[in-house]
């Protein structure tokens, strides 16, 4: 049966609609690689089943927003639920910088070659504090770049390692520019800002501004029609190892990212998204199970949001509990990076949704920076607290692998 549904188009505040058939939806996905639809929010059990098969991008105001690809559209249509097709966001607001110098004003988006040049420039301009590395390459051969920032950057010092990563969904753009700007801010202010200096002197900070370059730039050099998924149509944030779904096969970008994270064993990390405004902490996959460090996770998320509120307008980052939510209370996902890091690697990661608009207009980037800058710094400072030390071999005094846990507290791989 070829059903027809409604396409919502929002133009200058006016809502218009037109008839869209199943075949038209298939055609949109075939030409663009993906499409976003919304359905009415079902009950939790049914939503969990949908989440296991489809890429949910957000749940808000009684609606579920779903990204469909050629591999998932038929499963979705078989649900026979009323749906609405969401048109792509207008790319006209994605002002592209004319040069590296212009891009480093942070009020325009860089081309891919400008992005590459900025990463290399930061490493070259601050060789004692910054080193450029490569996590891997994308399907189309673009490098997935990362900066290491530390006071003795050439050495693997006995310091906590922390990780910021953004835009694993290629159409969620704000964090991409904000992470580039944060790296520049740390390096530029190292000698003048005691708070920045304390971070750089006592941590090894890794920043990956763009985890999905194919989704953002496709096969080109500018941002014109970015997609949530990678070049093969996979949602990277549903393709990490998960004890609840052993069938997951990580795509290339995730294979490289997993190897990088297993090697570094970050004690604290965050990944940045858009499409909502909230700080999301584990677990994403278990609704009835709380992490052993639930109160701590809530506390660091609360401080991030509260600091943002001090610097932002009155309505920013206010979803759920004034900007904080346990992931599965929002909606469950499987194969997410946050739970992978926290479960398998015993790290501590949260997911920070920076903007309701996925493709943040370039003119709004400065506001988001002012709202979040102090929280970016404060979140990293969490890695300086707590018990620090090394476990040594009694005979050789060399460090040895060890598992440290608190009896009666640790559970579910929380050690």
Protein backbone atom coordinates (compact mmCIF):
# COMPACT_ATOMS: atom_id res chain seq x y z
CA UNK A 1 0.00 0.00 0.00
CA UNK A 2 1.36 3.44 -0.92
CA UNK A 3 0.21 5.72 1.89
CA UNK A 4 0.46 9.51 1.97
CA UNK A 5 1.60 11.65 4.89
CA UNK A 6 2.39 15.26 5.67
CA UNK A 7 5.54 17.25 4.96
CA UNK A 8 5.91 20.16 7.37
CA UNK A 9 7.72 23.19 5.98
CA UNK A 10 8.52 26.06 8.31
CA UNK A 11 9.16 29.29 6.42
CA UNK A 12 9.12 32.71 8.10
CA UNK A 13 7.09 31.26 10.92
CA UNK A 14 4.32 29.88 8.67
CA UNK A 15 3.56 26.16 8.72
CA UNK A 16 2.63 24.74 5.32
CA UNK A 17 1.96 21.15 4.37
CA UNK A 18 1.90 19.00 1.27
CA UNK A 19 1.11 15.41 0.50
CA UNK A 20 4.07 13.03 0.64
CA UNK A 21 3.84 9.38 -0.28
CA UNK A 22 5.89 6.41 0.83
CA UNK A 23 7.53 6.40 -2.59
CA UNK A 24 8.38 10.09 -2.27
CA UNK A 25 10.06 9.36 1.05
CA UNK A 26 12.04 6.59 -0.60
CA UNK A 27 13.01 9.00 -3.36
CA UNK A 28 14.22 11.66 -0.89
CA UNK A 29 16.35 9.10 0.92
CA UNK A 30 17.73 7.70 -2.34
CA UNK A 31 18.81 11.14 -3.56
CA UNK A 32 20.07 12.58 -0.29
CA UNK A 33 21.18 9.48 1.60
CA UNK A 34 18.83 10.05 4.55
CA UNK A 35 15.69 11.83 5.67
CA UNK A 36 14.29 12.91 9.02
CA UNK A 37 10.72 12.12 10.02
CA UNK A 38 8.73 12.50 13.19
CA UNK A 39 6.09 10.30 14.76
CA UNK A 40 3.95 10.65 17.87
CA UNK A 41 5.78 9.40 20.94
CA UNK A 42 4.68 5.83 21.75
CA UNK A 43 4.94 4.08 25.13
CA UNK A 44 8.36 3.30 26.57
CA UNK A 45 8.38 -0.36 25.54
CA UNK A 46 7.52 0.39 21.92
CA UNK A 47 9.97 3.31 21.85
CA UNK A 48 12.70 0.95 23.05
CA UNK A 49 11.93 -1.45 20.18
CA UNK A 50 12.03 1.41 17.66
CA UNK A 51 15.34 2.60 19.11
CA UNK A 52 16.87 -0.82 18.54
CA UNK A 53 16.14 -0.61 14.81
CA UNK A 54 16.19 3.07 13.91
CA UNK A 55 18.34 6.13 14.59
CA UNK A 56 16.34 8.37 16.92
CA UNK A 57 17.82 11.86 16.91
CA UNK A 58 15.58 13.40 19.58
CA UNK A 59 12.43 12.98 21.62
CA UNK A 60 10.67 16.20 22.52
CA UNK A 61 7.21 17.74 22.87
CA UNK A 62 5.47 14.41 22.42
CA UNK A 63 7.26 13.60 19.17
CA UNK A 64 10.05 11.22 18.17
CA UNK A 65 12.49 12.46 15.52
CA UNK A 66 13.99 9.65 13.46
CA UNK A 67 16.69 9.66 10.77
CA UNK A 68 15.99 7.10 8.04
CA UNK A 69 18.46 5.67 5.54
CA UNK A 70 18.10 3.22 2.64
CA UNK A 71 18.83 0.40 5.09
CA UNK A 72 16.08 1.37 7.57
CA UNK A 73 13.25 3.00 5.61
CA UNK A 74 11.36 -0.23 4.86
CA UNK A 75 11.41 -1.34 8.51
CA UNK A 76 10.04 2.06 9.43
CA UNK A 77 7.29 2.03 6.82
CA UNK A 78 6.25 -1.45 7.95
CA UNK A 79 5.32 0.07 11.32
CA UNK A 80 2.43 1.75 9.50
CA UNK A 81 2.52 4.74 11.84
CA UNK A 82 1.49 8.24 10.77
CA UNK A 83 4.61 10.27 10.09
CA UNK A 84 5.69 13.71 8.98
CA UNK A 85 8.72 14.45 6.85
CA UNK A 86 11.00 17.19 8.19
CA UNK A 87 12.67 19.23 5.43
CA UNK A 88 16.45 19.70 5.66
CA UNK A 89 17.60 22.80 7.49
CA UNK A 90 18.40 25.79 5.28
CA UNK A 91 22.14 25.76 4.46
CA UNK A 92 22.15 29.50 3.69
CA UNK A 93 22.95 30.27 7.33
CA UNK A 94 26.08 28.10 7.17
CA UNK A 95 28.40 30.95 6.26
CA UNK A 96 31.70 29.53 5.04
CA UNK A 97 34.94 31.33 5.89
CA UNK A 98 36.95 32.84 3.05
CA UNK A 99 40.31 32.01 4.58
CA UNK A 100 41.98 30.38 7.57
CA UNK A 101 42.30 33.83 9.13
CA UNK A 102 38.56 34.43 8.69
CA UNK A 103 37.73 30.97 10.05
CA UNK A 104 39.73 31.71 13.20
CA UNK A 105 37.42 34.61 13.98
CA UNK A 106 35.03 31.75 14.89
CA UNK A 107 31.94 33.31 13.33
CA UNK A 108 31.95 31.22 10.14
CA UNK A 109 32.39 27.56 9.30
CA UNK A 110 35.74 26.41 7.88
CA UNK A 111 36.07 24.46 4.68
CA UNK A 112 37.63 21.04 5.21
CA UNK A 113 41.02 22.27 3.96
CA UNK A 114 40.79 25.29 6.27
CA UNK A 115 39.96 22.97 9.17
CA UNK A 116 43.01 20.86 8.37
CA UNK A 117 45.14 24.01 8.17
CA UNK A 118 43.84 25.35 11.51
CA UNK A 119 44.71 22.08 13.27
CA UNK A 120 48.20 22.15 11.76
CA UNK A 121 48.63 25.84 12.56
CA UNK A 122 47.79 25.37 16.24
CA UNK A 123 50.34 22.57 16.48
CA UNK A 124 52.98 24.61 14.64
CA UNK A 125 52.36 27.84 16.57
CA UNK A 126 52.58 26.13 20.00
CA UNK A 127 55.00 23.22 19.50
CA UNK A 128 55.76 22.85 23.22
CA UNK A 129 52.09 22.68 24.17
CA UNK A 130 50.29 21.15 21.22
CA UNK A 131 50.72 18.09 18.99
CA UNK A 132 48.57 17.07 16.03
CA UNK A 133 47.66 13.41 15.72
CA UNK A 134 45.34 11.33 13.56
CA UNK A 135 42.74 8.96 14.99
CA UNK A 136 42.09 7.41 11.58
CA UNK A 137 40.47 8.13 8.24
CA UNK A 138 36.89 8.24 7.01
CA UNK A 139 35.34 6.14 4.24
CA UNK A 140 36.11 8.93 1.76
CA UNK A 141 39.69 9.21 3.04
CA UNK A 142 39.36 12.35 5.15
CA UNK A 143 41.52 12.39 8.26
CA UNK A 144 39.89 12.26 11.68
CA UNK A 145 42.20 14.67 13.48
CA UNK A 146 42.90 15.20 17.16
CA UNK A 147 45.04 17.68 19.11
CA UNK A 148 46.91 16.82 22.28
CA UNK A 149 47.46 19.80 24.59
CA UNK A 150 49.73 19.55 27.62
CA UNK A 151 52.72 21.32 29.14
CA UNK A 152 55.16 18.60 28.04
CA UNK A 153 53.22 17.56 24.99
CA UNK A 154 55.88 15.27 23.54
CA UNK A 155 55.87 13.08 26.66
CA UNK A 156 53.33 10.60 27.99
CA UNK A 157 53.32 12.02 31.49
CA UNK A 158 51.81 10.41 34.57
CA UNK A 159 48.74 12.64 34.37
CA UNK A 160 45.01 12.09 33.84
CA UNK A 161 44.01 12.05 30.18
CA UNK A 162 40.77 13.75 29.11
CA UNK A 163 38.96 13.84 25.78
CA UNK A 164 36.55 16.22 24.05
CA UNK A 165 35.01 15.06 20.76
CA UNK A 166 32.32 16.60 18.57
CA UNK A 167 30.14 16.11 15.53
CA UNK A 168 30.01 12.34 15.27
CA UNK A 169 26.69 13.21 13.68
CA UNK A 170 27.89 15.17 10.69
CA UNK A 171 24.97 17.61 10.59
CA UNK A 172 25.30 18.68 14.24
CA UNK A 173 27.74 21.50 13.71
CA UNK A 174 28.08 23.87 16.67
CA UNK A 175 30.50 21.72 18.66
CA UNK A 176 32.83 21.47 15.66
CA UNK A 177 33.67 25.18 15.72
CA UNK A 178 33.46 25.46 19.52
CA UNK A 179 36.05 22.70 20.01
CA UNK A 180 38.41 24.37 17.53
CA UNK A 181 37.96 27.60 19.44
CA UNK A 182 38.51 25.88 22.78
CA UNK A 183 41.84 24.46 21.60
CA UNK A 184 42.88 27.93 20.44
CA UNK A 185 41.68 29.42 23.75
CA UNK A 186 43.72 26.98 25.86
CA UNK A 187 46.88 27.58 23.87
CA UNK A 188 46.48 31.33 23.51
CA UNK A 189 45.78 31.86 27.22
CA UNK A 190 48.22 29.38 28.75
CA UNK A 191 50.65 32.07 29.91
CA UNK A 192 48.06 34.57 31.15
CA UNK A 193 45.14 32.61 32.65
CA UNK A 194 46.02 30.64 35.83
CA UNK A 195 42.96 28.43 35.44
CA UNK A 196 43.94 27.43 31.90
CA UNK A 197 47.56 26.92 32.93
CA UNK A 198 46.50 24.62 35.76
CA UNK A 199 44.60 22.43 33.30
CA UNK A 200 47.38 22.26 30.72
CA UNK A 201 50.08 21.65 33.36
CA UNK A 202 48.23 18.83 35.11
CA UNK A 203 46.23 17.07 32.40
CA UNK A 204 46.76 15.60 28.97
CA UNK A 205 43.91 17.15 27.00
CA UNK A 206 42.82 15.64 23.68
CA UNK A 207 40.38 17.50 21.41
CA UNK A 208 38.77 15.97 18.31
CA UNK A 209 36.56 18.69 16.79
CA UNK A 210 35.16 16.56 13.94
CA UNK A 211 34.54 12.83 14.36
CA UNK A 212 32.51 12.35 11.17
CA UNK A 213 34.06 14.44 8.37
CA UNK A 214 32.20 12.56 5.63
CA UNK A 215 28.86 13.39 7.22
CA UNK A 216 29.78 17.06 7.46
CA UNK A 217 31.56 17.63 4.14
CA UNK A 218 30.36 14.61 2.12
CA UNK A 219 32.75 14.33 -0.87
CA UNK A 220 33.36 18.08 -1.08
CA UNK A 221 35.24 20.83 0.71
CA UNK A 222 32.33 22.98 1.95
CA UNK A 223 29.31 22.30 4.15
CA UNK A 224 26.21 22.31 1.97
CA UNK A 225 24.11 19.21 2.71
CA UNK A 226 25.54 17.54 5.82
CA UNK A 227 24.14 14.22 7.03
CA UNK A 228 23.79 12.60 10.42
CA UNK A 229 25.31 9.35 9.19
CA UNK A 230 28.68 8.44 7.74
CA UNK A 231 29.28 7.75 4.04
CA UNK A 232 27.88 4.23 4.42
CA UNK A 233 24.66 5.41 6.07
CA UNK A 234 25.56 4.36 9.63
CA UNK A 235 24.79 6.39 12.74
CA UNK A 236 28.18 6.28 14.44
CA UNK A 237 26.59 6.75 17.85
CA UNK A 238 24.70 3.45 17.50
CA UNK A 239 27.69 1.38 16.39
CA UNK A 240 29.94 1.00 19.44
CA UNK A 241 30.30 -2.36 21.23
CA UNK A 242 27.35 -2.99 23.54
CA UNK A 243 26.80 -5.95 25.88
CA UNK A 244 23.07 -5.73 25.11
CA UNK A 245 23.60 -6.10 21.36
CA UNK A 246 26.51 -8.39 20.36
CA UNK A 247 25.47 -8.14 16.71
CA UNK A 248 26.84 -4.60 16.36
CA UNK A 249 29.65 -4.31 13.81
CA UNK A 250 31.47 -0.96 14.17
CA UNK A 251 32.06 0.97 10.90
CA UNK A 252 35.53 2.15 9.96
CA UNK A 253 35.42 5.48 11.80
CA UNK A 254 34.41 3.68 15.00
CA UNK A 255 37.03 0.95 14.59
CA UNK A 256 39.66 3.69 14.53
CA UNK A 257 38.05 5.64 17.39
CA UNK A 258 37.74 2.52 19.56
CA UNK A 259 41.42 1.65 19.05
CA UNK A 260 42.40 5.22 19.93
CA UNK A 261 40.29 5.30 23.09
CA UNK A 262 41.38 1.84 24.23
CA UNK A 263 44.98 2.98 23.95
CA UNK A 264 44.49 6.29 25.79
CA UNK A 265 42.03 5.10 28.51
CA UNK A 266 40.60 8.55 29.21
CA UNK A 267 39.44 9.12 32.77
CA UNK A 268 36.96 11.81 31.69
CA UNK A 269 35.39 12.72 28.37
CA UNK A 270 32.44 14.41 26.70
CA UNK A 271 30.98 14.27 23.23
CA UNK A 272 29.11 17.22 21.79
CA UNK A 273 25.91 17.11 19.74
CA UNK A 274 23.04 19.34 18.62
CA UNK A 275 19.31 18.83 18.12
CA UNK A 276 18.40 19.39 21.77
CA UNK A 277 19.71 21.33 24.79
CA UNK A 278 20.66 19.10 27.72
CA UNK A 279 23.55 17.39 29.50
CA UNK A 280 22.93 13.64 29.21
CA UNK A 281 24.73 11.15 31.49
CA UNK A 282 24.78 7.29 31.76
CA UNK A 283 23.15 5.01 31.40
CA UNK A 284 21.68 5.39 27.92
CA UNK A 285 20.80 1.71 27.55
CA UNK A 286 19.31 0.81 30.95
CA UNK A 287 16.23 2.56 32.28
CA UNK A 288 15.87 0.48 35.46
CA UNK A 289 19.58 0.42 36.33
CA UNK A 290 21.57 3.30 37.80
CA UNK A 291 25.32 3.71 37.51
CA UNK A 292 27.20 3.20 40.77
CA UNK A 293 28.42 6.80 40.44
CA UNK A 294 25.00 8.17 39.53
CA UNK A 295 25.17 10.97 42.10
CA UNK A 296 28.62 12.00 40.89
CA UNK A 297 27.47 12.00 37.26
CA UNK A 298 24.47 14.09 38.20
CA UNK A 299 26.72 16.48 40.14
CA UNK A 300 29.17 17.18 37.31
CA UNK A 301 26.30 17.52 34.84
CA UNK A 302 24.47 19.86 37.23
CA UNK A 303 27.58 22.07 37.56
CA UNK A 304 27.98 22.23 33.78
CA UNK A 305 24.37 23.33 33.32
CA UNK A 306 24.32 25.71 36.28
CA UNK A 307 27.48 27.44 35.03
CA UNK A 308 25.92 27.79 31.59
CA UNK A 309 22.83 29.36 33.15
CA UNK A 310 24.97 31.99 34.83
CA UNK A 311 26.28 33.16 31.45
CA UNK A 312 23.35 32.42 29.12
CA UNK A 313 19.91 33.73 28.40
CA UNK A 314 17.00 32.56 30.59
CA UNK A 315 15.72 29.81 28.27
CA UNK A 316 18.95 28.07 27.23
CA UNK A 317 19.78 24.50 28.32
CA UNK A 318 16.62 24.08 30.38
CA UNK A 319 15.24 20.68 29.27
CA UNK A 320 14.27 18.00 31.82
CA UNK A 321 15.86 18.82 35.18
CA UNK A 322 17.01 22.35 34.31
CA UNK A 323 19.32 21.03 31.60
CA UNK A 324 20.29 17.62 33.01
CA UNK A 325 18.95 14.13 32.26
CA UNK A 326 19.91 10.50 32.73
CA UNK A 327 20.08 9.28 29.15
CA UNK A 328 17.54 6.46 29.30
CA UNK A 329 14.97 8.73 30.93
CA UNK A 330 15.05 10.72 27.69
CA UNK A 331 15.10 7.65 25.45
CA UNK A 332 17.16 4.47 25.37
CA UNK A 333 19.83 3.85 22.77
CA UNK A 334 22.09 0.90 22.08
CA UNK A 335 25.62 1.02 20.71
CA UNK A 336 26.24 4.53 22.07
CA UNK A 337 29.73 5.86 22.70
CA UNK A 338 28.92 7.25 26.15
CA UNK A 339 27.98 3.85 27.55
CA UNK A 340 30.82 2.09 25.71
CA UNK A 341 33.41 4.30 27.36
CA UNK A 342 31.78 4.08 30.75
CA UNK A 343 31.13 0.31 30.63
CA UNK A 344 34.09 -1.19 28.76
CA UNK A 345 36.83 1.37 29.37
CA UNK A 346 35.76 2.38 32.89
CA UNK A 347 35.97 6.03 31.83
CA UNK A 348 33.36 8.66 32.61
CA UNK A 349 31.63 10.31 29.64
CA UNK A 350 28.61 12.54 29.21
CA UNK A 351 26.83 13.72 26.06
CA UNK A 352 26.24 17.46 25.78
CA UNK A 353 23.52 18.71 23.42
CA UNK A 354 24.41 22.32 22.62
CA UNK A 355 21.59 23.64 20.45
CA UNK A 356 18.05 22.75 19.35
CA UNK A 357 19.12 23.63 15.81
CA UNK A 358 21.43 20.99 14.38
CA UNK A 359 23.04 23.28 11.82
CA UNK A 360 23.64 26.27 14.05
CA UNK A 361 23.66 29.50 12.01
CA UNK A 362 27.16 30.94 11.91
CA UNK A 363 25.86 34.15 13.49
CA UNK A 364 24.91 32.20 16.65
CA UNK A 365 28.30 30.56 17.25
CA UNK A 366 29.60 33.45 19.35
CA UNK A 367 26.60 33.25 21.68
CA UNK A 368 27.06 29.50 22.19
CA UNK A 369 30.74 30.08 22.96
CA UNK A 370 29.93 32.70 25.59
CA UNK A 371 27.27 30.45 27.12
CA UNK A 372 29.48 27.34 27.32
CA UNK A 373 33.10 28.53 27.60
CA UNK A 374 33.36 28.44 31.38
CA UNK A 375 31.57 25.08 31.51
CA UNK A 376 34.05 23.62 29.00
CA UNK A 377 36.84 24.59 31.39
CA UNK A 378 35.02 23.56 34.54
CA UNK A 379 34.11 20.13 33.22
CA UNK A 380 37.77 19.32 32.53
CA UNK A 381 38.66 20.36 36.08
CA UNK A 382 36.71 17.36 37.36
CA UNK A 383 39.67 15.20 36.29
CA UNK A 384 41.89 16.99 38.82
CA UNK A 385 39.83 15.86 41.80
CA UNK A 386 39.66 12.56 43.65
CA UNK A 387 42.29 9.97 44.48
CA UNK A 388 45.39 9.87 42.29
CA UNK A 389 48.25 7.43 42.39
CA UNK A 390 50.05 4.45 40.86
CA UNK A 391 50.12 0.73 41.60
CA UNK A 392 53.73 -0.53 41.47
CA UNK A 393 55.38 -3.92 41.32
CA UNK A 394 56.94 -4.59 44.74
CA UNK A 395 60.14 -6.00 43.22
CA UNK A 396 60.74 -3.71 40.23
CA UNK A 397 58.80 -0.58 41.25
CA UNK A 398 57.35 -0.55 37.71
CA UNK A 399 53.68 0.33 37.20
CA UNK A 400 51.38 -2.69 36.83
CA UNK A 401 47.78 -3.04 35.56
CA UNK A 402 45.37 -2.98 38.47
CA UNK A 403 41.67 -2.93 39.17
CA UNK A 404 40.63 -0.71 42.04
CA UNK A 405 37.09 -0.91 43.39
CA UNK A 406 35.13 0.08 46.46
CA UNK A 407 33.38 -2.84 48.12
CA UNK A 408 29.65 -2.28 48.44
CA UNK A 409 29.71 0.55 45.91
CA UNK A 410 31.13 -0.49 42.54
CA UNK A 411 28.96 -2.53 40.20
CA UNK A 412 28.33 -2.95 36.49
CA UNK A 413 31.94 -2.28 35.48
CA UNK A 414 32.12 0.97 37.48
CA UNK A 415 35.57 0.24 38.99
